[in-house]
PDB file of N, CA and C in Angstrom:
ATOM      1  N   MET A   1     -24.049  -8.376  -2.306  1.00  0.00           N
ATOM      2  CA  MET A   1     -22.709  -8.210  -1.971  1.00  0.00           C
ATOM      3  C   MET A   1     -23.219  -6.629  -3.041  1.00  0.00           C
ATOM      4  N   ILE A   2     -22.593  -5.400  -2.611  1.00  0.00           N
ATOM      5  CA  ILE A   2     -22.648  -4.197  -3.143  1.00  0.00           C
ATOM      6  C   ILE A   2     -21.633  -3.910  -4.173  1.00  0.00           C
ATOM      7  N   ASP A   3     -22.236  -3.553  -5.370  1.00  0.00           N
ATOM      8  CA  ASP A   3     -20.998  -3.515  -6.126  1.00  0.00           C
ATOM      9  C   ASP A   3     -20.593  -2.217  -6.641  1.00  0.00           C
ATOM     10  N   LYS A   4     -19.206  -1.798  -6.208  1.00  0.00           N
ATOM     11  CA  LYS A   4     -18.911  -0.799  -6.618  1.00  0.00           C
ATOM     12  C   LYS A   4     -17.501  -0.822  -7.178  1.00  0.00           C
ATOM     13  N   ASP A   5     -17.250   0.147  -7.411  1.00  0.00           N
ATOM     14  CA  ASP A   5     -16.152   1.031  -8.625  1.00  0.00           C
ATOM     15  C   ASP A   5     -15.796   1.323  -8.547  1.00  0.00           C
ATOM     16  N   PRO A   6     -14.005   1.853  -8.693  1.00  0.00           N
ATOM     17  CA  PRO A   6     -13.376   2.971  -7.797  1.00  0.00           C
ATOM     18  C   PRO A   6     -13.890   4.439  -7.618  1.00  0.00           C
ATOM     19  N   THR A   7     -14.768   4.593  -8.597  1.00  0.00           N
ATOM     20  CA  THR A   7     -15.787   5.933  -8.306  1.00  0.00           C
ATOM     21  C   THR A   7     -16.374   6.228  -7.526  1.00  0.00           C
ATOM     22  N   ALA A   8     -16.711   5.231  -6.619  1.00  0.00           N
ATOM     23  CA  ALA A   8     -18.175   4.935  -5.757  1.00  0.00           C
ATOM     24  C   ALA A   8     -17.073   5.264  -4.314  1.00  0.00           C
ATOM     25  N   TYR A   9     -16.208   5.503  -4.444  1.00  0.00           N
ATOM     26  CA  TYR A   9     -15.936   6.318  -2.695  1.00  0.00           C
ATOM     27  C   TYR A   9     -15.639   8.186  -3.031  1.00  0.00           C
ATOM     28  N   SER A  10     -15.780   8.439  -1.972  1.00  0.00           N
ATOM     29  CA  SER A  10     -15.706   9.399  -1.504  1.00  0.00           C
ATOM     30  C   SER A  10     -14.242  10.164  -1.570  1.00  0.00           C
ATOM     31  N   TRP A  11     -13.729  11.860  -1.637  1.00  0.00           N
ATOM     32  CA  TRP A  11     -12.400  11.871  -2.050  1.00  0.00           C
ATOM     33  C   TRP A  11     -11.953  11.479  -0.440  1.00  0.00           C
ATOM     34  N   LEU A  12     -12.644  11.664   0.622  1.00  0.00           N
ATOM     35  CA  LEU A  12     -12.259  11.423   2.138  1.00  0.00           C
ATOM     36  C   LEU A  12     -11.657  10.520   1.854  1.00  0.00           C
ATOM     37  N   THR A  13     -12.749   9.913   1.804  1.00  0.00           N
ATOM     38  CA  THR A  13     -12.134   8.069   1.684  1.00  0.00           C
ATOM     39  C   THR A  13     -11.075   7.730   1.037  1.00  0.00           C
ATOM     40  N   TYR A  14     -10.276   8.276   0.237  1.00  0.00           N
ATOM     41  CA  TYR A  14      -9.481   7.959  -0.605  1.00  0.00           C
ATOM     42  C   TYR A  14      -8.197   8.883   0.380  1.00  0.00           C
ATOM     43  N   LEU A  15      -8.587   9.882   0.958  1.00  0.00           N
ATOM     44  CA  LEU A  15      -7.661  11.076   1.431  1.00  0.00           C
ATOM     45  C   LEU A  15      -7.100  10.278   2.753  1.00  0.00           C
ATOM     46  N   TRP A  16      -7.860   9.680   3.553  1.00  0.00           N
ATOM     47  CA  TRP A  16      -7.370   8.904   5.261  1.00  0.00           C
ATOM     48  C   TRP A  16      -7.007   7.571   4.043  1.00  0.00           C
ATOM     49  N   VAL A  17      -7.242   7.131   3.209  1.00  0.00           N
ATOM     50  CA  VAL A  17      -6.692   5.592   2.742  1.00  0.00           C
ATOM     51  C   VAL A  17      -4.973   5.901   2.140  1.00  0.00           C
ATOM     52  N   THR A  18      -5.014   6.535   1.749  1.00  0.00           N
ATOM     53  CA  THR A  18      -3.607   7.398   0.758  1.00  0.00           C
ATOM     54  C   THR A  18      -3.206   8.159   1.947  1.00  0.00           C
ATOM     55  N   GLY A  19      -3.215   9.017   3.065  1.00  0.00           N
ATOM     56  CA  GLY A  19      -2.661   9.256   4.359  1.00  0.00           C
ATOM     57  C   GLY A  19      -2.529   8.158   5.392  1.00  0.00           C
ATOM     58  N   LEU A  20      -3.075   7.263   5.613  1.00  0.00           N
ATOM     59  CA  LEU A  20      -3.130   6.564   6.219  1.00  0.00           C
ATOM     60  C   LEU A  20      -1.136   5.457   5.805  1.00  0.00           C
ATOM     61  N   ALA A  21      -1.663   5.374   4.927  1.00  0.00           N
ATOM     62  CA  ALA A  21      -0.598   4.462   3.874  1.00  0.00           C
ATOM     63  C   ALA A  21       0.447   5.236   4.068  1.00  0.00           C
ATOM     64  N   ALA A  22       0.116   6.002   3.411  1.00  0.00           N
ATOM     65  CA  ALA A  22       1.953   7.119   3.646  1.00  0.00           C
ATOM     66  C   ALA A  22       2.026   7.114   4.008  1.00  0.00           C
ATOM     67  N   TRP A  23       1.377   7.562   5.656  1.00  0.00           N
ATOM     68  CA  TRP A  23       1.664   7.917   6.933  1.00  0.00           C
ATOM     69  C   TRP A  23       2.796   6.580   7.654  1.00  0.00           C
ATOM     70  N   GLY A  24       2.543   5.166   6.420  1.00  0.00           N
ATOM     71  CA  GLY A  24       3.544   3.671   7.272  1.00  0.00           C
ATOM     72  C   GLY A  24       4.738   3.944   6.357  1.00  0.00           C
ATOM     73  N   GLY A  25       4.866   4.471   4.816  1.00  0.00           N
ATOM     74  CA  GLY A  25       6.472   4.523   3.742  1.00  0.00           C
ATOM     75  C   GLY A  25       6.332   5.628   5.238  1.00  0.00           C
ATOM     76  N   PHE A  26       6.182   6.924   5.458  1.00  0.00           N
ATOM     77  CA  PHE A  26       7.169   7.642   6.461  1.00  0.00           C
ATOM     78  C   PHE A  26       7.815   7.211   7.817  1.00  0.00           C
ATOM     79  N   VAL A  27       6.788   6.236   8.545  1.00  0.00           N
ATOM     80  CA  VAL A  27       7.890   5.891   8.939  1.00  0.00           C
ATOM     81  C   VAL A  27       8.607   4.976   8.318  1.00  0.00           C
ATOM     82  N   ARG A  28       8.622   4.267   7.841  1.00  0.00           N
ATOM     83  CA  ARG A  28       9.508   3.005   7.114  1.00  0.00           C
ATOM     84  C   ARG A  28      11.166   3.858   7.248  1.00  0.00           C
ATOM     85  N   PHE A  29      10.223   4.805   6.753  1.00  0.00           N
ATOM     86  CA  PHE A  29      11.312   5.719   5.864  1.00  0.00           C
ATOM     87  C   PHE A  29      12.445   6.344   7.045  1.00  0.00           C
ATOM     88  N   TYR A  30      11.581   6.694   7.602  1.00  0.00           N
ATOM     89  CA  TYR A  30      12.229   7.195   9.497  1.00  0.00           C
ATOM     90  C   TYR A  30      13.235   6.037   9.597  1.00  0.00           C
ATOM     91  N   SER A  31      12.700   4.385  10.124  1.00  0.00           N
ATOM     92  CA  SER A  31      13.085   3.729   9.988  1.00  0.00           C
ATOM     93  C   SER A  31      14.548   3.481   9.560  1.00  0.00           C
ATOM     94  N   LYS A  32      14.635   3.776   8.134  1.00  0.00           N
ATOM     95  CA  LYS A  32      15.792   3.804   7.157  1.00  0.00           C
ATOM     96  C   LYS A  32      17.039   4.992   8.063  1.00  0.00           C
ATOM     97  N   VAL A  33      16.706   6.512   8.232  1.00  0.00           N
ATOM     98  CA  VAL A  33      16.815   6.480   8.312  1.00  0.00           C
ATOM     99  C   VAL A  33      18.249   6.682   9.928  1.00  0.00           C
ATOM    100  N   THR A  34      17.217   6.225  11.138  1.00  0.00           N
ATOM    101  CA  THR A  34      17.579   6.108  11.674  1.00  0.00           C
ATOM    102  C   THR A  34      18.242   4.677  12.095  1.00  0.00           C
ATOM    103  N   ALA A  35      18.253   4.056  11.531  1.00  0.00           N
ATOM    104  CA  ALA A  35      19.241   2.564  11.020  1.00  0.00           C
ATOM    105  C   ALA A  35      20.560   3.389  10.342  1.00  0.00           C
ATOM    106  N   GLY A  36      20.721   4.555   9.469  1.00  0.00           N
ATOM    107  CA  GLY A  36      21.763   4.710   8.507  1.00  0.00           C
ATOM    108  C   GLY A  36      21.417   4.386   7.578  1.00  0.00           C
ATOM    109  N   ASP A  37      20.608   3.562   7.082  1.00  0.00           N
ATOM    110  CA  ASP A  37      20.265   2.766   5.387  1.00  0.00           C
ATOM    111  C   ASP A  37      19.571   4.058   4.402  1.00  0.00           C
ATOM    112  N   ALA A  38      19.459   4.938   4.956  1.00  0.00           N
ATOM    113  CA  ALA A  38      19.048   6.386   4.502  1.00  0.00           C
ATOM    114  C   ALA A  38      19.333   7.803   4.639  1.00  0.00           C
ATOM    115  N   GLU A  39      19.628   8.895   4.189  1.00  0.00           N
ATOM    116  CA  GLU A  39      19.913  10.406   4.540  1.00  0.00           C
ATOM    117  C   GLU A  39      18.324  10.500   5.176  1.00  0.00           C
ATOM    118  N   ALA A  40      18.898  11.829   6.187  1.00  0.00           N
ATOM    119  CA  ALA A  40      17.849  12.257   6.639  1.00  0.00           C
ATOM    120  C   ALA A  40      17.343  13.276   5.652  1.00  0.00           C
ATOM    121  N   PHE A  41      18.042  13.563   4.516  1.00  0.00           N
ATOM    122  CA  PHE A  41      17.130  14.897   3.842  1.00  0.00           C
ATOM    123  C   PHE A  41      17.250  14.684   2.482  1.00  0.00           C
ATOM    124  N   ASN A  42      17.226  13.367   2.100  1.00  0.00           N
ATOM    125  CA  ASN A  42      16.887  12.817   1.207  1.00  0.00           C
ATOM    126  C   ASN A  42      15.987  12.646   0.429  1.00  0.00           C
ATOM    127  N   PHE A  43      15.064  14.203   0.056  1.00  0.00           N
ATOM    128  CA  PHE A  43      13.705  13.947  -0.221  1.00  0.00           C
ATOM    129  C   PHE A  43      12.960  13.033  -1.373  1.00  0.00           C
ATOM    130  N   HIS A  44      14.320  12.601  -1.734  1.00  0.00           N
ATOM    131  CA  HIS A  44      14.297  12.081  -3.726  1.00  0.00           C
ATOM    132  C   HIS A  44      13.326  10.443  -3.020  1.00  0.00           C
ATOM    133  N   GLU A  45      14.650  10.123  -2.232  1.00  0.00           N
ATOM    134  CA  GLU A  45      13.859   8.810  -1.402  1.00  0.00           C
ATOM    135  C   GLU A  45      12.256   8.333  -0.891  1.00  0.00           C
ATOM    136  N   LEU A  46      12.813  10.220  -0.065  1.00  0.00           N
ATOM    137  CA  LEU A  46      11.191  10.212   0.765  1.00  0.00           C
ATOM    138  C   LEU A  46       9.668   9.768  -0.066  1.00  0.00           C
ATOM    139  N   ILE A  47       9.919  11.333  -1.172  1.00  0.00           N
ATOM    140  CA  ILE A  47       8.732  10.878  -1.951  1.00  0.00           C
ATOM    141  C   ILE A  47       8.537   9.695  -2.686  1.00  0.00           C
ATOM    142  N   GLY A  48       9.664   8.968  -2.893  1.00  0.00           N
ATOM    143  CA  GLY A  48       9.367   7.404  -3.702  1.00  0.00           C
ATOM    144  C   GLY A  48       9.052   7.016  -2.222  1.00  0.00           C
ATOM    145  N   GLU A  49       9.613   6.968  -1.261  1.00  0.00           N
ATOM    146  CA  GLU A  49       8.752   5.909  -0.350  1.00  0.00           C
ATOM    147  C   GLU A  49       7.499   6.121  -0.261  1.00  0.00           C
ATOM    148  N   LEU A  50       7.193   7.568   0.099  1.00  0.00           N
ATOM    149  CA  LEU A  50       5.656   7.826   0.228  1.00  0.00           C
ATOM    150  C   LEU A  50       4.688   7.802  -0.985  1.00  0.00           C
ATOM    151  N   VAL A  51       5.221   7.381  -2.226  1.00  0.00           N
ATOM    152  CA  VAL A  51       4.009   7.270  -3.553  1.00  0.00           C
ATOM    153  C   VAL A  51       4.166   5.902  -3.499  1.00  0.00           C
ATOM    154  N   THR A  52       4.651   5.701  -2.987  1.00  0.00           N
ATOM    155  CA  THR A  52       4.843   3.677  -3.256  1.00  0.00           C
ATOM    156  C   THR A  52       4.180   3.354  -1.719  1.00  0.00           C
ATOM    157  N   SER A  53       4.220   4.305  -0.692  1.00  0.00           N
ATOM    158  CA  SER A  53       3.116   2.999   0.034  1.00  0.00           C
ATOM    159  C   SER A  53       2.020   3.768  -0.398  1.00  0.00           C
ATOM    160  N   ALA A  54       1.438   4.773  -0.851  1.00  0.00           N
ATOM    161  CA  ALA A  54      -0.002   5.418  -1.196  1.00  0.00           C
ATOM    162  C   ALA A  54      -0.919   4.444  -2.123  1.00  0.00           C
ATOM    163  N   PHE A  55       0.141   4.122  -3.147  1.00  0.00           N
ATOM    164  CA  PHE A  55       0.099   2.694  -4.254  1.00  0.00           C
ATOM    165  C   PHE A  55      -0.618   1.454  -3.443  1.00  0.00           C
ATOM    166  N   ALA A  56       0.592   1.084  -2.738  1.00  0.00           N
ATOM    167  CA  ALA A  56      -0.305   0.320  -2.181  1.00  0.00           C
ATOM    168  C   ALA A  56      -0.838  -0.336  -1.095  1.00  0.00           C
ATOM    169  N   GLY A  57      -1.120   1.485  -0.413  1.00  0.00           N
ATOM    170  CA  GLY A  57      -2.178   1.401   0.601  1.00  0.00           C
ATOM    171  C   GLY A  57      -3.494   0.785  -0.424  1.00  0.00           C
ATOM    172  N   LEU A  58      -3.258   1.238  -1.434  1.00  0.00           N
ATOM    173  CA  LEU A  58      -4.737   2.038  -3.007  1.00  0.00           C
ATOM    174  C   LEU A  58      -5.281   0.766  -2.999  1.00  0.00           C
ATOM    175  N   ILE A  59      -4.161   0.181  -3.074  1.00  0.00           N
ATOM    176  CA  ILE A  59      -4.450  -1.738  -3.898  1.00  0.00           C
ATOM    177  C   ILE A  59      -5.025  -2.131  -2.430  1.00  0.00           C
ATOM    178  N   THR A  60      -5.020  -2.107  -2.217  1.00  0.00           N
ATOM    179  CA  THR A  60      -5.063  -2.698   0.117  1.00  0.00           C
ATOM    180  C   THR A  60      -5.615  -2.605  -0.215  1.00  0.00           C
ATOM    181  N   PHE A  61      -6.692  -1.198  -0.334  1.00  0.00           N
ATOM    182  CA  PHE A  61      -8.161  -1.336   0.426  1.00  0.00           C
ATOM    183  C   PHE A  61      -9.151  -1.541  -0.828  1.00  0.00           C
ATOM    184  N   TRP A  62      -8.575  -0.610  -2.210  1.00  0.00           N
ATOM    185  CA  TRP A  62      -9.573  -2.212  -2.998  1.00  0.00           C
ATOM    186  C   TRP A  62     -10.070  -3.365  -2.708  1.00  0.00           C
ATOM    187  N   LEU A  63      -8.920  -4.027  -2.069  1.00  0.00           N
ATOM    188  CA  LEU A  63      -9.011  -5.623  -2.643  1.00  0.00           C
ATOM    189  C   LEU A  63      -9.965  -5.919  -0.786  1.00  0.00           C
ATOM    190  N   CYS A  64     -10.044  -5.358   0.446  1.00  0.00           N
ATOM    191  CA  CYS A  64     -10.257  -5.535   1.710  1.00  0.00           C
ATOM    192  C   CYS A  64     -12.439  -5.207   1.022  1.00  0.00           C
ATOM    193  N   GLU A  65     -11.851  -3.880   0.386  1.00  0.00           N
ATOM    194  CA  GLU A  65     -13.548  -3.605   0.340  1.00  0.00           C
ATOM    195  C   GLU A  65     -14.350  -4.616  -1.181  1.00  0.00           C
ATOM    196  N   ALA A  66     -13.373  -5.276  -2.194  1.00  0.00           N
ATOM    197  CA  ALA A  66     -14.152  -6.213  -2.314  1.00  0.00           C
ATOM    198  C   ALA A  66     -14.136  -7.699  -1.906  1.00  0.00           C
ATOM    199  N   ALA A  67     -13.562  -7.354  -0.504  1.00  0.00           N
ATOM    200  CA  ALA A  67     -13.031  -9.190  -0.087  1.00  0.00           C
ATOM    201  C   ALA A  67     -14.304  -8.661   1.389  1.00  0.00           C
ATOM    202  N   GLN A  68     -14.823  -7.470   1.287  1.00  0.00           N
ATOM    203  CA  GLN A  68     -15.860  -7.451   2.596  1.00  0.00           C
ATOM    204  C   GLN A  68     -14.918  -7.691   4.485  1.00  0.00           C
ATOM    205  N   ILE A  69     -13.871  -6.798   3.866  1.00  0.00           N
ATOM    206  CA  ILE A  69     -13.272  -6.984   5.462  1.00  0.00           C
ATOM    207  C   ILE A  69     -13.625  -5.536   6.310  1.00  0.00           C
ATOM    208  N   GLN A  70     -13.933  -5.733   7.005  1.00  0.00           N
ATOM    209  CA  GLN A  70     -14.607  -4.608   7.961  1.00  0.00           C
ATOM    210  C   GLN A  70     -13.335  -3.432   8.287  1.00  0.00           C
ATOM    211  N   PRO A  71     -13.934  -2.301   8.480  1.00  0.00           N
ATOM    212  CA  PRO A  71     -13.149  -0.809   7.687  1.00  0.00           C
ATOM    213  C   PRO A  71     -12.026  -0.695   9.662  1.00  0.00           C
ATOM    214  N   LEU A  72     -12.083  -1.543  10.497  1.00  0.00           N
ATOM    215  CA  LEU A  72     -11.153  -1.040  11.126  1.00  0.00           C
ATOM    216  C   LEU A  72      -9.454  -2.594  10.620  1.00  0.00           C
ATOM    217  N   VAL A  73      -9.832  -3.902  10.468  1.00  0.00           N
ATOM    218  CA  VAL A  73      -9.345  -4.457   9.780  1.00  0.00           C
ATOM    219  C   VAL A  73      -8.637  -3.560   8.577  1.00  0.00           C
ATOM    220  N   THR A  74      -9.704  -2.835   8.048  1.00  0.00           N
ATOM    221  CA  THR A  74      -9.255  -3.071   6.976  1.00  0.00           C
ATOM    222  C   THR A  74      -7.777  -1.468   6.566  1.00  0.00           C
ATOM    223  N   ALA A  75      -8.066  -0.588   7.710  1.00  0.00           N
ATOM    224  CA  ALA A  75      -7.312  -0.011   8.074  1.00  0.00           C
ATOM    225  C   ALA A  75      -6.354  -0.140   8.764  1.00  0.00           C
ATOM    226  N   ALA A  76      -5.805  -1.280   8.984  1.00  0.00           N
ATOM    227  CA  ALA A  76      -4.681  -1.971   9.684  1.00  0.00           C
ATOM    228  C   ALA A  76      -3.778  -2.597   8.418  1.00  0.00           C
ATOM    229  N   LEU A  77      -5.044  -3.389   7.993  1.00  0.00           N
ATOM    230  CA  LEU A  77      -3.588  -3.274   6.379  1.00  0.00           C
ATOM    231  C   LEU A  77      -3.475  -2.325   5.869  1.00  0.00           C
ATOM    232  N   VAL A  78      -4.167  -1.052   5.567  1.00  0.00           N
ATOM    233  CA  VAL A  78      -3.529  -0.621   4.995  1.00  0.00           C
ATOM    234  C   VAL A  78      -2.451  -0.079   4.815  1.00  0.00           C
ATOM    235  N   GLY A  79      -2.492   0.421   6.260  1.00  0.00           N
ATOM    236  CA  GLY A  79      -1.152   0.531   6.971  1.00  0.00           C
ATOM    237  C   GLY A  79       0.172   0.331   6.616  1.00  0.00           C
ATOM    238  N   ILE A  80      -0.127  -1.533   7.284  1.00  0.00           N
ATOM    239  CA  ILE A  80       0.584  -2.337   6.977  1.00  0.00           C
ATOM    240  C   ILE A  80       0.973  -2.457   6.154  1.00  0.00           C
ATOM    241  N   SER A  81       0.509  -2.006   4.424  1.00  0.00           N
ATOM    242  CA  SER A  81       0.837  -2.596   3.685  1.00  0.00           C
ATOM    243  C   SER A  81       1.667  -0.942   2.876  1.00  0.00           C
ATOM    244  N   GLY A  82       0.664   0.107   3.708  1.00  0.00           N
ATOM    245  CA  GLY A  82       1.702   1.032   3.544  1.00  0.00           C
ATOM    246  C   GLY A  82       3.611   1.312   4.046  1.00  0.00           C
ATOM    247  N   HIS A  83       3.549   0.638   4.917  1.00  0.00           N
ATOM    248  CA  HIS A  83       4.890   0.941   5.693  1.00  0.00           C
ATOM    249  C   HIS A  83       5.934  -0.861   5.186  1.00  0.00           C
ATOM    250  N   MET A  84       5.143  -1.388   4.259  1.00  0.00           N
ATOM    251  CA  MET A  84       5.501  -2.057   4.075  1.00  0.00           C
ATOM    252  C   MET A  84       6.230  -2.071   1.598  1.00  0.00           C
ATOM    253  N   GLY A  85       5.753  -0.991   1.424  1.00  0.00           N
ATOM    254  CA  GLY A  85       6.177  -0.475   0.554  1.00  0.00           C
ATOM    255  C   GLY A  85       5.858  -1.225  -1.192  1.00  0.00           C
ATOM    256  N   SER A  86       6.759  -1.520  -1.474  1.00  0.00           N
ATOM    257  CA  SER A  86       7.068  -2.218  -2.510  1.00  0.00           C
ATOM    258  C   SER A  86       7.409  -3.760  -2.332  1.00  0.00           C
ATOM    259  N   ARG A  87       7.128  -4.290  -0.959  1.00  0.00           N
ATOM    260  CA  ARG A  87       7.223  -5.316  -1.355  1.00  0.00           C
ATOM    261  C   ARG A  87       5.422  -5.619  -0.518  1.00  0.00           C
ATOM    262  N   ALA A  88       4.954  -4.902   0.060  1.00  0.00           N
ATOM    263  CA  ALA A  88       3.640  -5.047  -0.394  1.00  0.00           C
ATOM    264  C   ALA A  88       2.841  -5.328  -2.085  1.00  0.00           C
ATOM    265  N   ILE A  89       3.176  -4.397  -2.692  1.00  0.00           N
ATOM    266  CA  ILE A  89       3.068  -4.831  -4.231  1.00  0.00           C
ATOM    267  C   ILE A  89       3.913  -5.869  -4.689  1.00  0.00           C
ATOM    268  N   TYR A  90       4.528  -6.137  -4.481  1.00  0.00           N
ATOM    269  CA  TYR A  90       4.923  -7.781  -4.523  1.00  0.00           C
ATOM    270  C   TYR A  90       4.145  -9.102  -4.241  1.00  0.00           C
ATOM    271  N   GLN A  91       4.037  -8.742  -2.955  1.00  0.00           N
ATOM    272  CA  GLN A  91       3.275  -9.787  -2.477  1.00  0.00           C
ATOM    273  C   GLN A  91       1.876  -9.936  -3.350  1.00  0.00           C
ATOM    274  N   LEU A  92       1.376  -8.488  -3.094  1.00  0.00           N
ATOM    275  CA  LEU A  92       0.045  -8.517  -3.762  1.00  0.00           C
ATOM    276  C   LEU A  92      -0.015  -8.932  -5.633  1.00  0.00           C
ATOM    277  N   GLU A  93       1.465  -8.493  -6.227  1.00  0.00           N
ATOM    278  CA  GLU A  93       1.354  -9.532  -7.823  1.00  0.00           C
ATOM    279  C   GLU A  93       1.527 -10.681  -7.457  1.00  0.00           C
ATOM    280  N   HIS A  94       2.113 -11.110  -6.772  1.00  0.00           N
ATOM    281  CA  HIS A  94       2.372 -13.086  -6.558  1.00  0.00           C
ATOM    282  C   HIS A  94       0.650 -13.437  -6.101  1.00  0.00           C
ATOM    283  N   PHE A  95       0.115 -12.862  -5.607  1.00  0.00           N
ATOM    284  CA  PHE A  95      -1.272 -12.629  -4.558  1.00  0.00           C
ATOM    285  C   PHE A  95      -1.671 -14.244  -6.060  1.00  0.00           C
ATOM    286  N   ALA A  96      -1.703 -12.347  -7.055  1.00  0.00           N
ATOM    287  CA  ALA A  96      -2.889 -12.330  -8.025  1.00  0.00           C
ATOM    288  C   ALA A  96      -2.050 -13.099  -9.100  1.00  0.00           C
ATOM    289  N   LYS A  97      -0.548 -13.568  -9.410  1.00  0.00           N
ATOM    290  CA  LYS A  97      -0.454 -14.840 -10.312  1.00  0.00           C
ATOM    291  C   LYS A  97      -0.898 -15.673  -9.765  1.00  0.00           C
ATOM    292  N   THR A  98      -1.077 -15.674  -8.406  1.00  0.00           N
ATOM    293  CA  THR A  98      -1.082 -17.688  -8.523  1.00  0.00           C
ATOM    294  C   THR A  98      -2.886 -17.965  -8.515  1.00  0.00           C
ATOM    295  N   LYS A  99      -3.330 -16.961  -7.648  1.00  0.00           N
ATOM    296  CA  LYS A  99      -4.875 -16.838  -7.634  1.00  0.00           C
ATOM    297  C   LYS A  99      -5.603 -16.813  -8.948  1.00  0.00           C
ATOM    298  N   PHE A 100      -4.668 -15.899  -9.989  1.00  0.00           N
ATOM    299  CA  PHE A 100      -5.746 -15.669 -11.167  1.00  0.00           C
ATOM    300  C   PHE A 100      -4.678 -16.346 -12.502  1.00  0.00           C
ATOM    301  N   GLY A 101      -3.149 -16.816 -12.248  1.00  0.00           N
ATOM    302  CA  GLY A 101      -3.129 -17.786 -13.370  1.00  0.00           C
ATOM    303  C   GLY A 101      -1.942 -15.973 -14.378  1.00  0.00           C
ATOM    304  N   GLY A 102      -1.586 -16.114 -14.854  1.00  0.00           N
ATOM    305  CA  GLY A 102      -0.725 -15.188 -16.398  1.00  0.00           C
ATOM    306  C   GLY A 102       0.913 -15.415 -15.897  1.00  0.00           C
ATOM    307  N   HIS A 103       1.643 -14.650 -16.513  1.00  0.00           N
ATOM    308  CA  HIS A 103       2.856 -15.234 -16.382  1.00  0.00           C
ATOM    309  C   HIS A 103       3.900 -14.891 -15.673  1.00  0.00           C
ATOM    310  N   HIS A 104       4.351 -16.077 -15.405  1.00  0.00           N
ATOM    311  CA  HIS A 104       5.224 -16.263 -14.516  1.00  0.00           C
ATOM    312  C   HIS A 104       6.576 -16.010 -15.157  1.00  0.00           C
ATOM    313  N   ASP A 105       7.403 -15.239 -14.230  1.00  0.00           N
ATOM    314  CA  ASP A 105       8.352 -14.812 -14.307  1.00  0.00           C
ATOM    315  C   ASP A 105       9.613 -14.880 -13.097  1.00  0.00           C
ATOM    316  N   ASN A 106      10.990 -14.904 -13.269  1.00  0.00           N
ATOM    317  CA  ASN A 106      11.707 -14.997 -11.897  1.00  0.00           C
ATOM    318  C   ASN A 106      12.316 -13.824 -11.894  1.00  0.00           C
ATOM    319  N   GLN A 107      11.367 -12.662 -12.390  1.00  0.00           N
ATOM    320  CA  GLN A 107      12.101 -11.297 -11.967  1.00  0.00           C
ATOM    321  C   GLN A 107      11.635 -10.814 -10.774  1.00  0.00           C
ATOM    322  N   LYS A 108      13.172 -10.224  -9.577  1.00  0.00           N
ATOM    323  CA  LYS A 108      12.302  -9.835  -8.522  1.00  0.00           C
ATOM    324  C   LYS A 108      12.824  -8.549  -8.222  1.00  0.00           C
TER     325      LYS A 108
END
């Protein structure tokens, strides 16, 4: 296994990862708008959705790289986690607590 750290990837890689994840977040926001759960011009909610999605996608990317998952599968998982946003972060947190132990609380 080739050891990599977060600084070993190019800016272009980070651009496509965060862009793909943010696109998933935009799709989620658009779905909320069409369902009537969000206002179309609520830029505060849109920005929050995009930032959360980009973060979830980035974490997913690093986990996929560590697990040596194929690039196309990684891209799909990044997009899905971007669409999931904070739900993906919660699932990743639960996975980490289960896998590595740690503080267990009942907060959601």
